[in-house]
PDB file of all heavy atoms in Angstrom:
ATOM      1  N   SER A   1     102.406  80.496  84.335  1.00  0.00           N
ATOM      2  CA  SER A   1     103.429  80.345  85.373  1.00  0.00           C
ATOM      3  C   SER A   1     104.462  81.463  85.261  1.00  0.00           C
ATOM      4  O   SER A   1     105.078  81.843  86.254  1.00  0.00           O
ATOM      5  CB  SER A   1     104.101  78.978  85.271  1.00  0.00           C
ATOM      6  OG  SER A   1     104.775  78.841  84.034  1.00  0.00           O
ATOM      7  N   GLU A   2     104.641  82.012  84.054  1.00  0.00           N
ATOM      8  CA  GLU A   2     105.589  83.114  83.866  1.00  0.00           C
ATOM      9  C   GLU A   2     105.143  84.350  84.656  1.00  0.00           C
ATOM     10  O   GLU A   2     105.968  85.020  85.286  1.00  0.00           O
ATOM     11  CB  GLU A   2     105.735  83.467  82.376  1.00  0.00           C
ATOM     12  CG  GLU A   2     106.421  82.404  81.551  1.00  0.00           C
ATOM     13  CD  GLU A   2     105.501  81.263  81.134  1.00  0.00           C
ATOM     14  OE1 GLU A   2     104.261  81.425  81.212  1.00  0.00           O
ATOM     15  OE2 GLU A   2     106.022  80.217  80.723  1.00  0.00           O
ATOM     16  N   ARG A   3     103.841  84.639  84.641  1.00  0.00           N
ATOM     17  CA  ARG A   3     103.326  85.789  85.407  1.00  0.00           C
ATOM     18  C   ARG A   3     103.566  85.578  86.890  1.00  0.00           C
ATOM     19  O   ARG A   3     104.028  86.483  87.594  1.00  0.00           O
ATOM     20  CB  ARG A   3     101.825  85.982  85.138  1.00  0.00           C
ATOM     21  CG  ARG A   3     101.238  87.187  85.885  1.00  0.00           C
ATOM     22  CD  ARG A   3      99.723  87.245  85.804  1.00  0.00           C
ATOM     23  NE  ARG A   3      99.070  86.074  86.352  1.00  0.00           N
ATOM     24  CZ  ARG A   3      98.878  85.848  87.659  1.00  0.00           C
ATOM     25  NH1 ARG A   3      99.285  86.713  88.559  1.00  0.00           N
ATOM     26  NH2 ARG A   3      98.276  84.747  88.065  1.00  0.00           N
ATOM     27  N   ARG A   4     103.272  84.376  87.377  1.00  0.00           N
ATOM     28  CA  ARG A   4     103.475  84.095  88.800  1.00  0.00           C
ATOM     29  C   ARG A   4     104.957  84.144  89.176  1.00  0.00           C
ATOM     30  O   ARG A   4     105.311  84.673  90.237  1.00  0.00           O
ATOM     31  CB  ARG A   4     102.862  82.732  89.165  1.00  0.00           C
ATOM     32  CG  ARG A   4     101.335  82.755  89.116  1.00  0.00           C
ATOM     33  CD  ARG A   4     100.715  81.463  89.633  1.00  0.00           C
ATOM     34  NE  ARG A   4     101.123  80.277  88.898  1.00  0.00           N
ATOM     35  CZ  ARG A   4     100.573  79.837  87.771  1.00  0.00           C
ATOM     36  NH1 ARG A   4      99.579  80.527  87.227  1.00  0.00           N
ATOM     37  NH2 ARG A   4     100.995  78.740  87.183  1.00  0.00           N
ATOM     38  N   ARG A   5     105.827  83.623  88.317  1.00  0.00           N
ATOM     39  CA  ARG A   5     107.259  83.640  88.629  1.00  0.00           C
ATOM     40  C   ARG A   5     107.797  85.066  88.663  1.00  0.00           C
ATOM     41  O   ARG A   5     108.547  85.434  89.576  1.00  0.00           O
ATOM     42  CB  ARG A   5     108.055  82.821  87.619  1.00  0.00           C
ATOM     43  CG  ARG A   5     109.542  82.768  88.010  1.00  0.00           C
ATOM     44  CD  ARG A   5     110.393  82.028  87.035  1.00  0.00           C
ATOM     45  NE  ARG A   5     109.995  80.641  86.938  1.00  0.00           N
ATOM     46  CZ  ARG A   5     110.582  79.770  86.124  1.00  0.00           C
ATOM     47  NH1 ARG A   5     111.578  80.160  85.349  1.00  0.00           N
ATOM     48  NH2 ARG A   5     110.180  78.533  86.073  1.00  0.00           N
ATOM     49  N   ILE A   6     107.410  85.901  87.697  1.00  0.00           N
ATOM     50  CA  ILE A   6     107.867  87.293  87.690  1.00  0.00           C
ATOM     51  C   ILE A   6     107.374  88.006  88.942  1.00  0.00           C
ATOM     52  O   ILE A   6     108.122  88.769  89.573  1.00  0.00           O
ATOM     53  CB  ILE A   6     107.415  88.020  86.405  1.00  0.00           C
ATOM     54  CG1 ILE A   6     108.215  87.514  85.193  1.00  0.00           C
ATOM     55  CG2 ILE A   6     107.549  89.540  86.542  1.00  0.00           C
ATOM     56  CD1 ILE A   6     109.713  87.785  85.252  1.00  0.00           C
ATOM     57  N   ALA A   7     106.136  87.764  89.359  1.00  0.00           N
ATOM     58  CA  ALA A   7     105.611  88.393  90.578  1.00  0.00           C
ATOM     59  C   ALA A   7     106.428  87.961  91.791  1.00  0.00           C
ATOM     60  O   ALA A   7     106.767  88.791  92.649  1.00  0.00           O
ATOM     61  CB  ALA A   7     104.137  88.037  90.766  1.00  0.00           C
ATOM     62  N   ARG A   8     106.761  86.669  91.884  1.00  0.00           N
ATOM     63  CA  ARG A   8     107.601  86.186  93.005  1.00  0.00           C
ATOM     64  C   ARG A   8     108.971  86.836  92.965  1.00  0.00           C
ATOM     65  O   ARG A   8     109.498  87.262  93.993  1.00  0.00           O
ATOM     66  CB  ARG A   8     107.761  84.656  92.929  1.00  0.00           C
ATOM     67  CG  ARG A   8     106.656  83.870  93.537  1.00  0.00           C
ATOM     68  CD  ARG A   8     107.028  82.397  93.729  1.00  0.00           C
ATOM     69  NE  ARG A   8     107.676  81.783  92.580  1.00  0.00           N
ATOM     70  CZ  ARG A   8     107.036  81.187  91.565  1.00  0.00           C
ATOM     71  NH1 ARG A   8     105.725  81.141  91.541  1.00  0.00           N
ATOM     72  NH2 ARG A   8     107.721  80.633  90.576  1.00  0.00           N
ATOM     73  N   TRP A   9     109.581  86.888  91.779  1.00  0.00           N
ATOM     74  CA  TRP A   9     110.900  87.493  91.646  1.00  0.00           C
ATOM     75  C   TRP A   9     110.875  88.971  91.990  1.00  0.00           C
ATOM     76  O   TRP A   9     111.811  89.479  92.608  1.00  0.00           O
ATOM     77  CB  TRP A   9     111.440  87.293  90.235  1.00  0.00           C
ATOM     78  CG  TRP A   9     111.956  85.914  89.943  1.00  0.00           C
ATOM     79  CD1 TRP A   9     111.940  84.827  90.772  1.00  0.00           C
ATOM     80  CD2 TRP A   9     112.567  85.482  88.737  1.00  0.00           C
ATOM     81  NE1 TRP A   9     112.487  83.746  90.136  1.00  0.00           N
ATOM     82  CE2 TRP A   9     112.886  84.123  88.887  1.00  0.00           C
ATOM     83  CE3 TRP A   9     112.857  86.105  87.536  1.00  0.00           C
ATOM     84  CZ2 TRP A   9     113.507  83.380  87.885  1.00  0.00           C
ATOM     85  CZ3 TRP A   9     113.470  85.364  86.541  1.00  0.00           C
ATOM     86  CH2 TRP A   9     113.795  84.017  86.707  1.00  0.00           C
ATOM     87  N   GLN A  10     109.815  89.671  91.605  1.00  0.00           N
ATOM     88  CA  GLN A  10     109.708  91.091  91.953  1.00  0.00           C
ATOM     89  C   GLN A  10     109.669  91.261  93.466  1.00  0.00           C
ATOM     90  O   GLN A  10     110.376  92.108  94.012  1.00  0.00           O
ATOM     91  CB  GLN A  10     108.463  91.712  91.331  1.00  0.00           C
ATOM     92  CG  GLN A  10     108.584  92.012  89.871  1.00  0.00           C
ATOM     93  CD  GLN A  10     107.310  92.611  89.319  1.00  0.00           C
ATOM     94  OE1 GLN A  10     106.240  92.017  89.406  1.00  0.00           O
ATOM     95  NE2 GLN A  10     107.425  93.788  88.738  1.00  0.00           N
ATOM     96  N   ARG A  11     108.830  90.479  94.139  1.00  0.00           N
ATOM     97  CA  ARG A  11     108.752  90.581  95.607  1.00  0.00           C
ATOM     98  C   ARG A  11     110.102  90.273  96.245  1.00  0.00           C
ATOM     99  O   ARG A  11     110.553  90.985  97.153  1.00  0.00           O
ATOM    100  CB  ARG A  11     107.683  89.629  96.153  1.00  0.00           C
ATOM    101  CG  ARG A  11     106.266  90.078  95.885  1.00  0.00           C
ATOM    102  CD  ARG A  11     105.239  89.239  96.628  1.00  0.00           C
ATOM    103  NE  ARG A  11     105.306  87.821  96.322  1.00  0.00           N
ATOM    104  CZ  ARG A  11     104.659  87.220  95.333  1.00  0.00           C
ATOM    105  NH1 ARG A  11     103.892  87.928  94.526  1.00  0.00           N
ATOM    106  NH2 ARG A  11     104.763  85.916  95.150  1.00  0.00           N
ATOM    107  N   ALA A  12     110.761  89.236  95.780  1.00  0.00           N
ATOM    108  CA  ALA A  12     112.051  88.840  96.351  1.00  0.00           C
ATOM    109  C   ALA A  12     113.128  89.888  96.066  1.00  0.00           C
ATOM    110  O   ALA A  12     113.938  90.213  96.948  1.00  0.00           O
ATOM    111  CB  ALA A  12     112.478  87.483  95.805  1.00  0.00           C
ATOM    112  N   ALA A  13     113.144  90.425  94.854  1.00  0.00           N
ATOM    113  CA  ALA A  13     114.150  91.426  94.491  1.00  0.00           C
ATOM    114  C   ALA A  13     113.980  92.700  95.314  1.00  0.00           C
ATOM    115  O   ALA A  13     114.960  93.270  95.794  1.00  0.00           O
ATOM    116  CB  ALA A  13     114.063  91.744  92.994  1.00  0.00           C
ATOM    117  N   VAL A  14     112.738  93.137  95.474  1.00  0.00           N
ATOM    118  CA  VAL A  14     112.476  94.341  96.277  1.00  0.00           C
ATOM    119  C   VAL A  14     112.856  94.091  97.731  1.00  0.00           C
ATOM    120  O   VAL A  14     113.474  94.947  98.378  1.00  0.00           O
ATOM    121  CB  VAL A  14     111.005  94.782  96.129  1.00  0.00           C
ATOM    122  CG1 VAL A  14     110.638  95.838  97.157  1.00  0.00           C
ATOM    123  CG2 VAL A  14     110.764  95.312  94.720  1.00  0.00           C
ATOM    124  N   ALA A  15     112.536  92.921  98.257  1.00  0.00           N
ATOM    125  CA  ALA A  15     112.905  92.599  99.646  1.00  0.00           C
ATOM    126  C   ALA A  15     114.417  92.578  99.811  1.00  0.00           C
ATOM    127  O   ALA A  15     114.942  93.093 100.803  1.00  0.00           O
ATOM    128  CB  ALA A  15     112.306  91.254 100.050  1.00  0.00           C
ATOM    129  N   MET A  16     115.133  92.016  98.836  1.00  0.00           N
ATOM    130  CA  MET A  16     116.599  91.985  98.910  1.00  0.00           C
ATOM    131  C   MET A  16     117.153  93.407  98.828  1.00  0.00           C
ATOM    132  O   MET A  16     118.025  93.785  99.605  1.00  0.00           O
ATOM    133  CB  MET A  16     117.155  91.124  97.785  1.00  0.00           C
ATOM    134  CG  MET A  16     118.658  90.950  97.826  1.00  0.00           C
ATOM    135  SD  MET A  16     119.262  89.989  99.228  1.00  0.00           S
ATOM    136  CE  MET A  16     118.813  88.346  98.726  1.00  0.00           C
ATOM    137  N   ARG A  17     116.620  94.195  97.898  1.00  0.00           N
ATOM    138  CA  ARG A  17     117.070  95.579  97.742  1.00  0.00           C
ATOM    139  C   ARG A  17     116.827  96.385  99.015  1.00  0.00           C
ATOM    140  O   ARG A  17     117.647  97.200  99.418  1.00  0.00           O
ATOM    141  CB  ARG A  17     116.333  96.230  96.575  1.00  0.00           C
ATOM    142  CG  ARG A  17     116.716  97.702  96.367  1.00  0.00           C
ATOM    143  CD  ARG A  17     115.713  98.428  95.526  1.00  0.00           C
ATOM    144  NE  ARG A  17     114.441  98.522  96.233  1.00  0.00           N
ATOM    145  CZ  ARG A  17     113.286  98.782  95.637  1.00  0.00           C
ATOM    146  NH1 ARG A  17     113.217  98.943  94.340  1.00  0.00           N
ATOM    147  NH2 ARG A  17     112.179  98.862  96.358  1.00  0.00           N
ATOM    148  N   ASP A  18     115.702  96.148  99.665  1.00  0.00           N
ATOM    149  CA  ASP A  18     115.312  96.945 100.817  1.00  0.00           C
ATOM    150  C   ASP A  18     115.870  96.420 102.138  1.00  0.00           C
ATOM    151  O   ASP A  18     115.390  96.812 103.189  1.00  0.00           O
ATOM    152  CB  ASP A  18     113.786  97.048 100.889  1.00  0.00           C
ATOM    153  CG  ASP A  18     113.215  97.859  99.736  1.00  0.00           C
ATOM    154  OD1 ASP A  18     113.979  98.550  99.043  1.00  0.00           O
ATOM    155  OD2 ASP A  18     111.991  97.794  99.524  1.00  0.00           O
ATOM    156  N   GLY A  19     116.850  95.565 102.103  1.00  0.00           N
ATOM    157  CA  GLY A  19     117.504  95.151 103.334  1.00  0.00           C
ATOM    158  C   GLY A  19     117.803  93.681 103.444  1.00  0.00           C
ATOM    159  O   GLY A  19     118.569  93.274 104.303  1.00  0.00           O
ATOM    160  N   GLY A  20     117.232  92.857 102.598  1.00  0.00           N
ATOM    161  CA  GLY A  20     117.480  91.426 102.676  1.00  0.00           C
ATOM    162  C   GLY A  20     118.909  91.035 102.342  1.00  0.00           C
ATOM    163  O   GLY A  20     119.348  89.942 102.682  1.00  0.00           O
ATOM    164  N   PHE A  21     119.645  91.935 101.679  1.00  0.00           N
ATOM    165  CA  PHE A  21     121.028  91.614 101.354  1.00  0.00           C
ATOM    166  C   PHE A  21     121.855  91.404 102.618  1.00  0.00           C
ATOM    167  O   PHE A  21     122.871  90.731 102.593  1.00  0.00           O
ATOM    168  CB  PHE A  21     121.662  92.690 100.464  1.00  0.00           C
ATOM    169  CG  PHE A  21     121.850  94.027 101.141  1.00  0.00           C
ATOM    170  CD1 PHE A  21     123.002  94.296 101.814  1.00  0.00           C
ATOM    171  CD2 PHE A  21     120.849  94.981 101.079  1.00  0.00           C
ATOM    172  CE1 PHE A  21     123.178  95.521 102.442  1.00  0.00           C
ATOM    173  CE2 PHE A  21     121.013  96.205 101.694  1.00  0.00           C
ATOM    174  CZ  PHE A  21     122.172  96.470 102.376  1.00  0.00           C
ATOM    175  N   ASN A  22     121.399  91.954 103.756  1.00  0.00           N
ATOM    176  CA  ASN A  22     122.113  91.727 105.006  1.00  0.00           C
ATOM    177  C   ASN A  22     122.133  90.250 105.360  1.00  0.00           C
ATOM    178  O   ASN A  22     123.126  89.732 105.865  1.00  0.00           O
ATOM    179  CB  ASN A  22     121.458  92.521 106.152  1.00  0.00           C
ATOM    180  CG  ASN A  22     121.760  93.999 106.044  1.00  0.00           C
ATOM    181  OD1 ASN A  22     122.822  94.392 105.572  1.00  0.00           O
ATOM    182  ND2 ASN A  22     120.805  94.816 106.428  1.00  0.00           N
ATOM    183  N   ALA A  23     121.033  89.550 105.097  1.00  0.00           N
ATOM    184  CA  ALA A  23     120.983  88.104 105.356  1.00  0.00           C
ATOM    185  C   ALA A  23     121.951  87.383 104.450  1.00  0.00           C
ATOM    186  O   ALA A  23     122.623  86.426 104.859  1.00  0.00           O
ATOM    187  CB  ALA A  23     119.564  87.582 105.151  1.00  0.00           C
ATOM    188  N   LEU A  24     122.059  87.819 103.200  1.00  0.00           N
ATOM    189  CA  LEU A  24     123.004  87.230 102.256  1.00  0.00           C
ATOM    190  C   LEU A  24     124.441  87.385 102.757  1.00  0.00           C
ATOM    191  O   LEU A  24     125.262  86.493 102.646  1.00  0.00           O
ATOM    192  CB  LEU A  24     122.851  87.866 100.873  1.00  0.00           C
ATOM    193  CG  LEU A  24     123.750  87.353  99.766  1.00  0.00           C
ATOM    194  CD1 LEU A  24     123.404  85.892  99.446  1.00  0.00           C
ATOM    195  CD2 LEU A  24     123.612  88.205  98.525  1.00  0.00           C
TER     196      LEU A  24
END
């Protein structure tokens, strides 16, 4: 589950970095 969680966090972090912070 650690591998899957890190993969999810990576996708979410990159999405936030690449423009998702506007939604925040």
